[in-house]
């Protein structure tokens, strides 16, 4: 049997097809130890987190569930001599932010030296002054970062963050059941789909796509454009056009045929197609929403732990290592050359638009203020109740 250090990327991909993506994971937190996910009971037996801000001979990483292959942690430990405590405890951006908010407010250790969160949380942490700067001298492989990800609104100079992976929010439909061929976001509002369509419960996801359908790029969102999209969604809810608003639990309805079309996350459909080949992820004519999850370090981190965290960033930023990760998670890799390496072992995956999307189809929200975030979210939730 192959060890975690020898696992073929194609085997890892096959394993993934029978697992949940990181956005579909509904369980509790866990720690990956020797390739085994430890549940909360075992975690409790292992004791709580350290009160120190990291140690010179170890590295604590917090990431989303099922967002890393079986090999990378062990390979890094072998190559660096650094012991890694890898915890899969980032299940929701807002939930994780709430968990680290108090210790960081008190200039204390949040329990991780390196953690992975999405763009909007990165922007909030930078504004609060709670992230440590990345020393480029310690991460020379940063030069491999894709140019398209080099200057996000959340961190224009990549001073504090380095992408882990990107993912997309778009549309999927059942080609054998839907009376409508989905080519546009606006097709989701077609009366022929009444009661057979689901939208996402996340404000940014649903209102971002609806704004695209209204001809507005979320990068230029205004109070008026967000309000118009909210009203349109609210009316669809009132008319019982939308079957329900979901998190990641749209998968069963789509595969079973209860739902004919849905707003979805790209990685999920890659997997759901294994169960129902009639499902198709659509890049609407207006485009899809792009998000990026990023590696960041808390400003309370000690010098030794910071050097270890930067060593890990550098390790995963070679094309070969990034390709290995992409073979498992099936998301667009952030490293130049990774797709070319992936094509050598899995050309089908490397050319899949879910992993290698057309850049012209990708759209991102502008950075929202805290007040805007709260107002838009509150109004959206009122509309879909």
Foldseek 3Di string as FASTA:
>chain_A
DDALQPDDLLVLLVVLLPDDALQQDDDAKFWQDSNDTHDPVVVVVVPDFDFAQDDLQEFEEEEGPQQFGSHQQVVLCVVPVHHYTYMNHCNDQVVLCVQQVVQLVVLTHSRGFKYKDWLLSLLVCVVVVWFDFADCVLQVLLVQFDPVPCAALSRGRSGFWDFFFKWWKAKKFQQVPQPDDAQALCVLVPPSQALQEEEALDLCQQLQRQLLRVVHFLQPDDPVSLVVSLVVVLVSLVVSRHNAHYRQPCLVCRLVVSHGMYTHMLLRVVSSCVSPVSMDTYQHPSAIEMMTMIMGGTPSHDPSNSSVSSNSNNSCQDLCNQLSSCSNNLAAGRGPPVLVNVCVSPVPSSPPCRHVNDVVRYGYHHRDDPVVSVVSSVSNVVSND
